């Protein structure tokens, strides 16, 4: 029984030694492959460097530059987009006149989406209507002043 046990141990030891030897051989083969790869990369890099020309070595006479020339004239161009979604104005305002009257002119930029600047005139009211309204209000002030003066006296 002891002989079988010893033989079994020796067999297992031999199998282990063979496996270790195979691993060593595989490791050495991998090391050789890596060294060959690095050597090949260095060789390729050196070969490419030796064939490279500096930019200064090229002659300007041998270069051909192809160009296309187009005459550009400035012009107004309106860009339009076709999209989906909703657009809201930053500010909504109501235009309410301080005086009534006939409107005789409207600013050219007065349309939906138009841009205005401070103190810009949007509408012009018929001056005759405005002047008549001023005269009427001045008459009311004079009438009120007269009534006040009569009450004080």
Protein backbone atom coordinates (compact mmCIF):
# COMPACT_ATOMS: atom_id res chain seq x y z
CA UNK A 1 0.00 0.00 0.00
CA UNK A 2 2.83 2.34 0.79
CA UNK A 3 4.39 1.60 -2.59
CA UNK A 4 1.23 2.58 -4.39
CA UNK A 5 0.99 5.75 -2.35
CA UNK A 6 4.62 6.65 -3.11
CA UNK A 7 4.17 5.84 -6.79
CA UNK A 8 1.04 7.97 -6.92
CA UNK A 9 2.87 10.90 -5.31
CA UNK A 10 5.80 10.53 -7.70
CA UNK A 11 3.44 10.45 -10.68
CA UNK A 12 1.68 13.57 -9.51
CA UNK A 13 5.06 15.26 -8.91
CA UNK A 14 6.17 14.42 -12.46
CA UNK A 15 2.90 15.78 -13.90
CA UNK A 16 3.34 18.96 -11.89
CA UNK A 17 6.95 19.37 -13.09
CA UNK A 18 5.86 18.88 -16.73
CA UNK A 19 3.10 21.49 -16.31
CA UNK A 20 5.55 23.95 -14.77
CA UNK A 21 8.02 23.29 -17.60
CA UNK A 22 5.23 23.91 -20.18
CA UNK A 23 4.36 27.18 -18.45
CA UNK A 24 8.02 28.23 -18.53
CA UNK A 25 8.26 27.42 -22.23
CA UNK A 26 5.02 29.37 -22.95
CA UNK A 27 6.35 32.32 -20.92
CA UNK A 28 9.65 32.30 -22.82
CA UNK A 29 7.77 32.18 -26.15
CA UNK A 30 5.63 35.15 -25.11
CA UNK A 31 8.75 37.08 -24.06
CA UNK A 32 10.42 36.35 -27.41
CA UNK A 33 7.24 37.47 -29.28
CA UNK A 34 7.13 40.76 -27.36
CA UNK A 35 10.83 41.42 -28.03
CA UNK A 36 10.36 40.69 -31.76
CA UNK A 37 7.30 43.03 -31.84
CA UNK A 38 9.19 45.89 -30.15
CA UNK A 39 12.20 45.34 -32.43
CA UNK A 40 9.93 45.42 -35.52
CA UNK A 41 8.26 48.62 -34.30
CA UNK A 42 11.65 50.29 -33.76
CA UNK A 43 12.82 49.16 -37.21
CA UNK A 44 9.63 50.49 -38.87
CA UNK A 45 9.88 53.79 -36.99
CA UNK A 46 13.53 54.23 -38.02
CA UNK A 47 12.72 53.39 -41.65
CA UNK A 48 9.86 55.93 -41.73
CA UNK A 49 12.01 58.63 -40.11
CA UNK A 50 14.78 58.21 -42.66
CA UNK A 51 12.41 58.70 -45.62
CA UNK A 52 10.68 61.76 -44.13
CA UNK A 53 11.44 65.12 -45.77
CA UNK A 54 11.43 68.34 -43.78
CA UNK A 55 8.95 70.99 -44.86
CA UNK A 56 11.79 73.37 -45.65
CA UNK A 57 13.34 70.91 -48.11
CA UNK A 58 10.39 71.07 -50.48
CA UNK A 59 10.80 73.55 -53.26
CA UNK A 60 8.15 76.20 -53.69
CA UNK A 61 8.41 75.99 -57.48
CA UNK A 62 7.24 72.38 -57.51
CA UNK A 63 4.10 73.08 -55.48
CA UNK A 64 0.88 73.63 -57.36
CA UNK A 65 -1.90 75.35 -55.48
CA UNK A 66 -5.36 74.95 -56.95
CA UNK A 67 -7.79 77.73 -56.15
CA UNK A 68 -11.26 78.73 -57.17
CA UNK A 69 -12.20 82.41 -57.22
CA UNK A 70 -15.72 83.73 -56.80
CA UNK A 71 -16.85 87.34 -56.78
CA UNK A 72 -19.03 88.05 -53.77
CA UNK A 73 -21.41 90.96 -53.82
CA UNK A 74 -22.98 92.11 -50.56
CA UNK A 75 -26.74 91.73 -50.50
CA UNK A 76 -29.53 91.44 -47.97
CA UNK A 77 -30.61 87.89 -47.42
CA UNK A 78 -33.45 86.81 -45.19
CA UNK A 79 -32.90 83.45 -43.56
CA UNK A 80 -36.04 81.47 -42.89
CA UNK A 81 -36.50 78.23 -41.01
CA UNK A 82 -39.29 75.72 -41.27
CA UNK A 83 -39.68 74.20 -37.82
CA UNK A 84 -42.27 72.98 -35.42
CA UNK A 85 -42.82 74.30 -31.94
CA UNK A 86 -44.10 77.41 -30.30
CA UNK A 87 -42.47 80.81 -30.20
CA UNK A 88 -43.34 83.43 -27.63
CA UNK A 89 -42.33 87.06 -27.62
CA UNK A 90 -40.08 88.23 -24.83
CA UNK A 91 -42.57 91.01 -24.07
CA UNK A 92 -46.16 91.59 -25.17
CA UNK A 93 -47.28 95.19 -25.23
CA UNK A 94 -50.55 96.94 -25.94
CA UNK A 95 -50.33 100.09 -28.01
CA UNK A 96 -52.70 102.60 -26.41
CA UNK A 97 -52.76 106.20 -27.62
CA UNK A 98 -52.73 109.05 -25.12
CA UNK A 99 -54.85 111.16 -27.49
CA UNK A 100 -57.53 110.24 -29.97
CA UNK A 101 -57.43 111.17 -33.60
CA UNK A 102 -56.96 110.01 -37.16
CA UNK A 103 -53.66 108.13 -37.78
CA UNK A 104 -51.91 109.57 -40.83
CA UNK A 105 -48.68 107.47 -40.88
CA UNK A 106 -47.37 104.21 -39.42
CA UNK A 107 -43.70 103.23 -38.90
CA UNK A 108 -42.44 100.83 -41.62
CA UNK A 109 -41.16 98.43 -38.94
CA UNK A 110 -44.61 98.17 -37.32
CA UNK A 111 -45.55 94.58 -38.10
CA UNK A 112 -45.59 91.32 -36.18
CA UNK A 113 -42.00 90.56 -35.17
CA UNK A 114 -40.79 94.11 -35.93
CA UNK A 115 -38.00 95.71 -33.90
CA UNK A 116 -38.24 99.17 -32.35
CA UNK A 117 -35.80 101.38 -30.54
CA UNK A 118 -36.46 103.77 -27.63
CA UNK A 119 -38.10 107.09 -28.54
CA UNK A 120 -38.91 105.85 -32.05
CA UNK A 121 -42.19 107.18 -33.51
CA UNK A 122 -44.63 104.35 -34.29
CA UNK A 123 -47.72 106.33 -35.33
CA UNK A 124 -48.41 109.91 -36.31
CA UNK A 125 -51.80 111.33 -35.39
CA UNK A 126 -53.52 114.00 -37.49
CA UNK A 127 -52.18 117.22 -35.93
CA UNK A 128 -55.47 119.13 -36.46
CA UNK A 129 -57.38 116.69 -34.23
CA UNK A 130 -54.67 116.94 -31.57
CA UNK A 131 -54.52 120.75 -31.72
CA UNK A 132 -58.33 120.95 -31.42
CA UNK A 133 -58.20 118.66 -28.38
CA UNK A 134 -55.49 120.87 -26.81
CA UNK A 135 -57.59 123.97 -27.45
CA UNK A 136 -60.66 122.31 -25.90
CA UNK A 137 -58.71 121.30 -22.80
CA UNK A 138 -57.18 124.77 -22.47
CA UNK A 139 -60.71 126.21 -22.66
CA UNK A 140 -61.80 123.88 -19.86
CA UNK A 141 -58.85 125.02 -17.74
CA UNK A 142 -59.74 128.70 -18.41
CA UNK A 143 -63.38 128.01 -17.51
CA UNK A 144 -62.35 126.31 -14.28
CA UNK A 145 -60.01 129.21 -13.44
CA UNK A 146 -62.82 131.71 -14.01
CA UNK A 147 -65.20 129.72 -11.80
CA UNK A 148 -62.50 129.61 -9.10
CA UNK A 149 -61.86 133.35 -9.35
CA UNK A 150 -65.64 134.05 -9.02
CA UNK A 151 -65.89 131.93 -5.89
CA UNK A 152 -62.96 133.65 -4.23
CA UNK A 153 -64.29 137.14 -5.01
